[in-house]
Amino acid sequence: ALVFIVLLFAIIQAISSENAPKHTTKHRKSKSSPANKRQPEIANINIKKGAVGEQIIKVEALGKLDRSQYHYFHNLIIPHNGATTQIDNIIVSPFGVFVIEAKYYEGWIFGGKQQKTWWHTKSRYEKYPFTNPLHQNYAHIKALEQLIRQPENRFHSIVVFTHRDCQLRTELPANVCLTKQFIPYVQQFTKPIIAPDQIQRICKILSQPEWEATPERLAQHIQSLNQRP
């Protein structure tokens, strides 16, 4: 019940922010507001939407996966290449480490596995670019490789579009899916590749308080993102 209340509250917050006036491709560009001045605002909106997607994945994972085999972690900020990276959801299991990037986008999604930029389209006049989440999640996996000292072949990258009114409009690999396909995708991996003692060690590392996305650490992470070229 508590998880459902948290999820409901997060969705209400996201809907409120989505209903606020937005700039679309139909609007004129503002002469007094350069694009770089809107970067912190855009980052904050994306973080709010990400929080909703994260909670949806959390409900799915905790409610439908065997907790004796699947160990769930969420919203961690870990070091990577002299900076930090934020990871939405991680599931540690004998069948591999699942790294899940959640996207809470309404409308149509267009993209390709190798394309750097994908597109989120809500209407004829609302078309927004975003970084290929597969590339984004690969960076998360490389950071986790260093942190938990596991080879890349023990990781599974998954991108989940969690909004109920989202549609994937181009052919994408199976690890890019909607919420209803997420759990079946995880459960198709049945061959154990990580020993129990290694699972225990990985979970101990990921449970350390220093990786928790506290408000202070999150603010520092956002600031570092805004300062990147």
C-alpha atoms as a PDB file:
ATOM      1  CA  ALA A   1       0.000   0.000   0.000  1.00  0.00           C
ATOM      2  CA  LEU A   2       2.838   2.420   0.851  1.00  0.00           C
ATOM      3  CA  VAL A   3       4.524   1.791  -2.505  1.00  0.00           C
ATOM      4  CA  PHE A   4       1.231   2.482  -4.304  1.00  0.00           C
ATOM      5  CA  ILE A   5       0.774   5.781  -2.422  1.00  0.00           C
ATOM      6  CA  VAL A   6       4.310   6.891  -3.289  1.00  0.00           C
ATOM      7  CA  LEU A   7       3.736   5.997  -6.955  1.00  0.00           C
ATOM      8  CA  LEU A   8       0.406   7.840  -7.045  1.00  0.00           C
ATOM      9  CA  PHE A   9       1.951  10.972  -5.510  1.00  0.00           C
ATOM     10  CA  ALA A  10       4.826  10.920  -8.020  1.00  0.00           C
ATOM     11  CA  ILE A  11       2.448  10.553 -10.972  1.00  0.00           C
ATOM     12  CA  ILE A  12       0.307  13.479  -9.768  1.00  0.00           C
ATOM     13  CA  GLN A  13       3.410  15.664  -9.523  1.00  0.00           C
ATOM     14  CA  ALA A  14       4.519  14.727 -13.047  1.00  0.00           C
ATOM     15  CA  ILE A  15       1.079  15.358 -14.513  1.00  0.00           C
ATOM     16  CA  SER A  16       1.026  18.797 -12.884  1.00  0.00           C
ATOM     17  CA  SER A  17       4.363  19.714 -14.423  1.00  0.00           C
ATOM     18  CA  GLU A  18       3.283  18.302 -17.816  1.00  0.00           C
ATOM     19  CA  ASN A  19       0.210  20.509 -17.816  1.00  0.00           C
ATOM     20  CA  ALA A  20       2.258  23.662 -17.347  1.00  0.00           C
ATOM     21  CA  PRO A  21       2.771  25.819 -20.476  1.00  0.00           C
ATOM     22  CA  LYS A  22       5.532  24.451 -22.716  1.00  0.00           C
ATOM     23  CA  HIS A  23       7.563  25.786 -25.624  1.00  0.00           C
ATOM     24  CA  THR A  24       6.896  23.847 -28.811  1.00  0.00           C
ATOM     25  CA  THR A  25       8.215  23.981 -32.326  1.00  0.00           C
ATOM     26  CA  LYS A  26       5.262  26.214 -33.200  1.00  0.00           C
ATOM     27  CA  HIS A  27       6.298  29.028 -30.845  1.00  0.00           C
ATOM     28  CA  ARG A  28       8.646  31.845 -31.708  1.00  0.00           C
ATOM     29  CA  LYS A  29      12.086  31.806 -30.129  1.00  0.00           C
ATOM     30  CA  SER A  30      12.593  34.235 -27.286  1.00  0.00           C
ATOM     31  CA  LYS A  31      15.237  36.867 -27.940  1.00  0.00           C
ATOM     32  CA  SER A  32      15.949  37.404 -24.260  1.00  0.00           C
ATOM     33  CA  SER A  33      16.182  33.750 -23.207  1.00  0.00           C
ATOM     34  CA  PRO A  34      19.136  31.883 -24.744  1.00  0.00           C
ATOM     35  CA  ALA A  35      18.835  28.080 -24.810  1.00  0.00           C
ATOM     36  CA  ASN A  36      21.616  27.639 -22.284  1.00  0.00           C
ATOM     37  CA  LYS A  37      19.631  29.595 -19.666  1.00  0.00           C
ATOM     38  CA  ARG A  38      16.872  26.970 -19.847  1.00  0.00           C
ATOM     39  CA  GLN A  39      19.184  24.014 -19.249  1.00  0.00           C
ATOM     40  CA  PRO A  40      18.659  23.884 -15.438  1.00  0.00           C
ATOM     41  CA  GLU A  41      14.866  24.106 -15.971  1.00  0.00           C
ATOM     42  CA  ILE A  42      14.921  21.304 -18.547  1.00  0.00           C
ATOM     43  CA  ALA A  43      17.132  19.156 -16.311  1.00  0.00           C
ATOM     44  CA  ASN A  44      14.706  19.572 -13.387  1.00  0.00           C
ATOM     45  CA  ILE A  45      11.686  18.642 -15.546  1.00  0.00           C
ATOM     46  CA  ASN A  46      13.471  15.529 -16.806  1.00  0.00           C
ATOM     47  CA  ILE A  47      14.380  14.537 -13.244  1.00  0.00           C
ATOM     48  CA  LYS A  48      10.729  14.850 -12.133  1.00  0.00           C
ATOM     49  CA  LYS A  49       9.564  12.697 -15.031  1.00  0.00           C
ATOM     50  CA  GLY A  50      12.384  10.242 -14.334  1.00  0.00           C
ATOM     51  CA  ALA A  51      11.198   9.929 -10.736  1.00  0.00           C
ATOM     52  CA  VAL A  52       7.751   8.814 -11.926  1.00  0.00           C
ATOM     53  CA  GLY A  53       9.209   6.233 -14.296  1.00  0.00           C
ATOM     54  CA  GLU A  54      11.512   5.016 -11.550  1.00  0.00           C
ATOM     55  CA  GLN A  55       8.591   4.463  -9.162  1.00  0.00           C
ATOM     56  CA  ILE A  56       6.665   2.510 -11.797  1.00  0.00           C
ATOM     57  CA  ILE A  57       9.641   0.198 -12.319  1.00  0.00           C
ATOM     58  CA  LYS A  58      10.013  -0.134  -8.549  1.00  0.00           C
ATOM     59  CA  VAL A  59       6.387  -1.257  -8.157  1.00  0.00           C
ATOM     60  CA  GLU A  60       6.763  -3.750 -11.013  1.00  0.00           C
ATOM     61  CA  ALA A  61      10.037  -5.204  -9.701  1.00  0.00           C
ATOM     62  CA  LEU A  62       9.017  -5.487  -6.044  1.00  0.00           C
ATOM     63  CA  GLY A  63       5.550  -6.760  -6.857  1.00  0.00           C
ATOM     64  CA  LYS A  64       6.300  -9.327  -9.563  1.00  0.00           C
ATOM     65  CA  LEU A  65       9.843 -10.639  -9.041  1.00  0.00           C
ATOM     66  CA  ASP A  66      10.945 -13.185  -6.437  1.00  0.00           C
ATOM     67  CA  ARG A  67      12.778 -11.102  -3.823  1.00  0.00           C
ATOM     68  CA  SER A  68      14.853 -14.081  -2.745  1.00  0.00           C
ATOM     69  CA  GLN A  69      16.538 -14.039  -6.159  1.00  0.00           C
ATOM     70  CA  TYR A  70      16.101 -10.484  -7.433  1.00  0.00           C
ATOM     71  CA  HIS A  71      17.600  -7.691  -5.322  1.00  0.00           C
ATOM     72  CA  TYR A  72      16.346  -4.213  -6.231  1.00  0.00           C
ATOM     73  CA  PHE A  73      18.209  -0.898  -5.901  1.00  0.00           C
ATOM     74  CA  HIS A  74      17.097   2.501  -7.127  1.00  0.00           C
ATOM     75  CA  ASN A  75      18.225   6.091  -7.590  1.00  0.00           C
ATOM     76  CA  LEU A  76      21.948   5.737  -7.010  1.00  0.00           C
ATOM     77  CA  ILE A  77      24.587   8.351  -7.843  1.00  0.00           C
ATOM     78  CA  ILE A  78      27.968   6.751  -8.432  1.00  0.00           C
ATOM     79  CA  PRO A  79      31.343   7.992  -9.720  1.00  0.00           C
ATOM     80  CA  HIS A  80      32.200   7.783 -13.415  1.00  0.00           C
ATOM     81  CA  ASN A  81      35.145   9.269 -15.330  1.00  0.00           C
ATOM     82  CA  GLY A  82      35.878  11.944 -12.761  1.00  0.00           C
ATOM     83  CA  ALA A  83      32.208  12.973 -12.467  1.00  0.00           C
ATOM     84  CA  THR A  84      29.009  11.235 -11.357  1.00  0.00           C
ATOM     85  CA  THR A  85      26.181   9.380 -13.065  1.00  0.00           C
ATOM     86  CA  GLN A  86      22.672   8.719 -11.758  1.00  0.00           C
ATOM     87  CA  ILE A  87      21.158   5.268 -12.255  1.00  0.00           C
ATOM     88  CA  ASP A  88      17.388   4.841 -12.010  1.00  0.00           C
ATOM     89  CA  ASN A  89      16.997   1.148 -11.254  1.00  0.00           C
ATOM     90  CA  ILE A  90      19.288  -1.853 -10.716  1.00  0.00           C
ATOM     91  CA  ILE A  91      18.279  -5.473 -10.189  1.00  0.00           C
ATOM     92  CA  VAL A  92      20.966  -7.902  -9.018  1.00  0.00           C
ATOM     93  CA  SER A  93      20.229 -11.577  -9.628  1.00  0.00           C
ATOM     94  CA  PRO A  94      21.964 -14.894 -10.337  1.00  0.00           C
ATOM     95  CA  PHE A  95      21.035 -14.286 -13.981  1.00  0.00           C
ATOM     96  CA  GLY A  96      22.908 -11.022 -14.270  1.00  0.00           C
ATOM     97  CA  VAL A  97      22.769  -7.380 -13.214  1.00  0.00           C
ATOM     98  CA  PHE A  98      19.845  -5.606 -14.885  1.00  0.00           C
ATOM     99  CA  VAL A  99      20.385  -1.883 -15.375  1.00  0.00           C
ATOM    100  CA  ILE A 100      17.089  -0.170 -16.185  1.00  0.00           C
ATOM    101  CA  GLU A 101      16.694   3.303 -17.661  1.00  0.00           C
ATOM    102  CA  ALA A 102      13.095   4.473 -17.210  1.00  0.00           C
ATOM    103  CA  LYS A 103      11.535   7.095 -19.499  1.00  0.00           C
ATOM    104  CA  TYR A 104       8.160   8.654 -18.693  1.00  0.00           C
ATOM    105  CA  TYR A 105       7.213  10.042 -22.109  1.00  0.00           C
ATOM    106  CA  GLU A 106       3.713  10.376 -23.517  1.00  0.00           C
ATOM    107  CA  GLY A 107       3.148   9.985 -27.250  1.00  0.00           C
ATOM    108  CA  TRP A 108       5.203   8.436 -30.041  1.00  0.00           C
ATOM    109  CA  ILE A 109       8.861   7.440 -29.818  1.00  0.00           C
ATOM    110  CA  PHE A 110      11.085   7.354 -32.891  1.00  0.00           C
ATOM    111  CA  GLY A 111      14.677   6.139 -32.877  1.00  0.00           C
ATOM    112  CA  GLY A 112      17.215   3.536 -33.847  1.00  0.00           C
ATOM    113  CA  LYS A 113      19.727   1.448 -31.954  1.00  0.00           C
ATOM    114  CA  GLN A 114      22.743   3.335 -33.357  1.00  0.00           C
ATOM    115  CA  GLN A 115      21.210   6.812 -33.634  1.00  0.00           C
ATOM    116  CA  LYS A 116      22.587   9.384 -31.202  1.00  0.00           C
ATOM    117  CA  THR A 117      19.281  11.233 -30.961  1.00  0.00           C
ATOM    118  CA  TRP A 118      15.755   9.871 -30.590  1.00  0.00           C
ATOM    119  CA  TRP A 119      12.505  11.819 -30.879  1.00  0.00           C
ATOM    120  CA  HIS A 120       9.498  12.108 -28.608  1.00  0.00           C
ATOM    121  CA  THR A 121       6.410  13.388 -30.469  1.00  0.00           C
ATOM    122  CA  LYS A 122       3.241  14.438 -28.667  1.00  0.00           C
ATOM    123  CA  SER A 123       1.465  16.172 -31.550  1.00  0.00           C
ATOM    124  CA  ARG A 124       2.098  17.635 -34.994  1.00  0.00           C
ATOM    125  CA  TYR A 125       3.722  20.684 -33.406  1.00  0.00           C
ATOM    126  CA  GLU A 126       5.408  19.065 -30.403  1.00  0.00           C
ATOM    127  CA  LYS A 127       8.529  17.123 -31.286  1.00  0.00           C
ATOM    128  CA  TYR A 128      11.368  16.864 -28.777  1.00  0.00           C
ATOM    129  CA  PRO A 129      14.839  15.299 -29.188  1.00  0.00           C
ATOM    130  CA  PHE A 130      16.482  13.256 -26.446  1.00  0.00           C
ATOM    131  CA  THR A 131      19.706  11.301 -26.125  1.00  0.00           C
ATOM    132  CA  ASN A 132      19.563   7.665 -27.223  1.00  0.00           C
ATOM    133  CA  PRO A 133      18.783   5.955 -23.870  1.00  0.00           C
ATOM    134  CA  LEU A 134      20.678   2.824 -24.928  1.00  0.00           C
ATOM    135  CA  HIS A 135      23.846   4.916 -25.167  1.00  0.00           C
ATOM    136  CA  GLN A 136      22.960   6.602 -21.882  1.00  0.00           C
ATOM    137  CA  ASN A 137      22.471   3.256 -20.164  1.00  0.00           C
ATOM    138  CA  TYR A 138      25.733   1.892 -21.578  1.00  0.00           C
ATOM    139  CA  ALA A 139      27.536   4.651 -19.685  1.00  0.00           C
ATOM    140  CA  HIS A 140      25.707   3.535 -16.530  1.00  0.00           C
ATOM    141  CA  ILE A 141      26.894  -0.032 -17.072  1.00  0.00           C
ATOM    142  CA  LYS A 142      30.511   1.070 -17.572  1.00  0.00           C
ATOM    143  CA  ALA A 143      30.323   2.993 -14.282  1.00  0.00           C
ATOM    144  CA  LEU A 144      28.866  -0.035 -12.490  1.00  0.00           C
ATOM    145  CA  GLU A 145      31.541  -2.293 -13.974  1.00  0.00           C
ATOM    146  CA  GLN A 146      34.187  -0.271 -12.158  1.00  0.00           C
ATOM    147  CA  LEU A 147      32.203   0.005  -8.929  1.00  0.00           C
ATOM    148  CA  ILE A 148      31.171  -3.629  -8.424  1.00  0.00           C
ATOM    149  CA  ARG A 149      34.048  -5.159 -10.431  1.00  0.00           C
ATOM    150  CA  GLN A 150      32.021  -7.339 -12.781  1.00  0.00           C
ATOM    151  CA  PRO A 151      32.643  -7.905 -16.530  1.00  0.00           C
ATOM    152  CA  GLU A 152      30.337  -6.320 -19.087  1.00  0.00           C
ATOM    153  CA  ASN A 153      28.832  -9.665 -20.161  1.00  0.00           C
ATOM    154  CA  ARG A 154      27.151 -10.002 -16.758  1.00  0.00           C
ATOM    155  CA  PHE A 155      25.041  -6.882 -17.300  1.00  0.00           C
ATOM    156  CA  HIS A 156      21.699  -6.552 -19.061  1.00  0.00           C
ATOM    157  CA  SER A 157      20.694  -3.110 -20.340  1.00  0.00           C
ATOM    158  CA  ILE A 158      16.959  -2.342 -20.430  1.00  0.00           C
ATOM    159  CA  VAL A 159      15.150   0.838 -21.469  1.00  0.00           C
ATOM    160  CA  VAL A 160      11.506   1.005 -20.363  1.00  0.00           C
ATOM    161  CA  PHE A 161       9.014   3.628 -21.541  1.00  0.00           C
ATOM    162  CA  THR A 162       6.600   3.722 -18.633  1.00  0.00           C
ATOM    163  CA  HIS A 163       3.868   6.191 -19.642  1.00  0.00           C
ATOM    164  CA  ARG A 164       0.620   4.352 -20.371  1.00  0.00           C
ATOM    165  CA  ASP A 165       0.022   6.451 -23.497  1.00  0.00           C
ATOM    166  CA  CYS A 166       3.452   5.857 -25.034  1.00  0.00           C
ATOM    167  CA  GLN A 167       3.964   4.010 -28.336  1.00  0.00           C
ATOM    168  CA  LEU A 168       7.214   2.826 -29.943  1.00  0.00           C
ATOM    169  CA  ARG A 169       6.848   3.766 -33.606  1.00  0.00           C
ATOM    170  CA  THR A 170      10.070   2.343 -35.031  1.00  0.00           C
ATOM    171  CA  GLU A 171      11.640  -1.098 -34.856  1.00  0.00           C
ATOM    172  CA  LEU A 172      13.803  -1.311 -31.746  1.00  0.00           C
ATOM    173  CA  PRO A 173      15.703  -4.137 -30.000  1.00  0.00           C
ATOM    174  CA  ALA A 174      13.861  -6.273 -27.444  1.00  0.00           C
ATOM    175  CA  ASN A 175      15.570  -4.548 -24.520  1.00  0.00           C
ATOM    176  CA  VAL A 176      13.666  -1.355 -25.389  1.00  0.00           C
ATOM    177  CA  CYS A 177      10.118  -1.963 -24.236  1.00  0.00           C
ATOM    178  CA  LEU A 178       6.945  -0.732 -22.561  1.00  0.00           C
ATOM    179  CA  THR A 179       6.106  -1.378 -18.904  1.00  0.00           C
ATOM    180  CA  LYS A 180       3.997  -4.478 -19.645  1.00  0.00           C
ATOM    181  CA  GLN A 181       6.968  -6.099 -21.421  1.00  0.00           C
ATOM    182  CA  PHE A 182       9.532  -5.301 -18.732  1.00  0.00           C
ATOM    183  CA  ILE A 183       9.054  -8.220 -16.300  1.00  0.00           C
ATOM    184  CA  PRO A 184       8.756 -10.883 -19.051  1.00  0.00           C
ATOM    185  CA  TYR A 185      11.998  -9.575 -20.553  1.00  0.00           C
ATOM    186  CA  VAL A 186      13.803  -9.909 -17.209  1.00  0.00           C
ATOM    187  CA  GLN A 187      12.397 -13.385 -16.559  1.00  0.00           C
ATOM    188  CA  GLN A 188      13.571 -14.781 -19.903  1.00  0.00           C
ATOM    189  CA  PHE A 189      17.114 -14.914 -18.493  1.00  0.00           C
ATOM    190  CA  THR A 190      17.279 -18.216 -16.602  1.00  0.00           C
ATOM    191  CA  LYS A 191      20.939 -19.269 -16.772  1.00  0.00           C
ATOM    192  CA  PRO A 192      22.847 -18.446 -13.547  1.00  0.00           C
ATOM    193  CA  ILE A 193      25.990 -16.408 -14.314  1.00  0.00           C
ATOM    194  CA  ILE A 194      26.755 -14.852 -10.913  1.00  0.00           C
ATOM    195  CA  ALA A 195      27.634 -16.949  -7.856  1.00  0.00           C
ATOM    196  CA  PRO A 196      25.775 -16.409  -4.548  1.00  0.00           C
ATOM    197  CA  ASP A 197      28.846 -15.012  -2.772  1.00  0.00           C
ATOM    198  CA  GLN A 198      29.338 -12.505  -5.608  1.00  0.00           C
ATOM    199  CA  ILE A 199      25.684 -11.463  -5.394  1.00  0.00           C
ATOM    200  CA  GLN A 200      26.099 -10.849  -1.678  1.00  0.00           C
ATOM    201  CA  ARG A 201      29.222  -8.755  -2.280  1.00  0.00           C
ATOM    202  CA  ILE A 202      27.566  -6.698  -5.055  1.00  0.00           C
ATOM    203  CA  CYS A 203      24.510  -6.000  -2.908  1.00  0.00           C
ATOM    204  CA  LYS A 204      26.736  -4.897  -0.035  1.00  0.00           C
ATOM    205  CA  ILE A 205      28.513  -2.396  -2.292  1.00  0.00           C
ATOM    206  CA  LEU A 206      25.287  -0.980  -3.742  1.00  0.00           C
ATOM    207  CA  SER A 207      23.753  -0.670  -0.265  1.00  0.00           C
ATOM    208  CA  GLN A 208      26.439   1.753   0.926  1.00  0.00           C
ATOM    209  CA  PRO A 209      24.934   5.114   2.013  1.00  0.00           C
ATOM    210  CA  GLU A 210      27.515   7.077   0.013  1.00  0.00           C
ATOM    211  CA  TRP A 211      25.743   6.155  -3.262  1.00  0.00           C
ATOM    212  CA  GLU A 212      22.284   7.213  -2.102  1.00  0.00           C
ATOM    213  CA  ALA A 213      20.811  10.125  -4.088  1.00  0.00           C
ATOM    214  CA  THR A 214      20.273  12.463  -1.132  1.00  0.00           C
ATOM    215  CA  PRO A 215      19.007  15.986  -1.921  1.00  0.00           C
ATOM    216  CA  GLU A 216      22.528  17.331  -1.425  1.00  0.00           C
ATOM    217  CA  ARG A 217      24.190  14.798  -3.704  1.00  0.00           C
ATOM    218  CA  LEU A 218      21.425  15.184  -6.291  1.00  0.00           C
ATOM    219  CA  ALA A 219      21.906  18.970  -6.327  1.00  0.00           C
ATOM    220  CA  GLN A 220      25.654  18.521  -6.836  1.00  0.00           C
ATOM    221  CA  HIS A 221      25.013  16.038  -9.645  1.00  0.00           C
ATOM    222  CA  ILE A 222      22.582  18.400 -11.411  1.00  0.00           C
ATOM    223  CA  GLN A 223      25.049  21.265 -11.072  1.00  0.00           C
ATOM    224  CA  SER A 224      27.802  19.176 -12.641  1.00  0.00           C
ATOM    225  CA  LEU A 225      25.459  18.252 -15.523  1.00  0.00           C
ATOM    226  CA  ASN A 226      24.638  21.903 -16.169  1.00  0.00           C
ATOM    227  CA  GLN A 227      28.352  22.776 -16.260  1.00  0.00           C
ATOM    228  CA  ARG A 228      29.227  20.178 -18.866  1.00  0.00           C
ATOM    229  CA  PRO A 229      29.793  21.492 -22.416  1.00  0.00           C
END
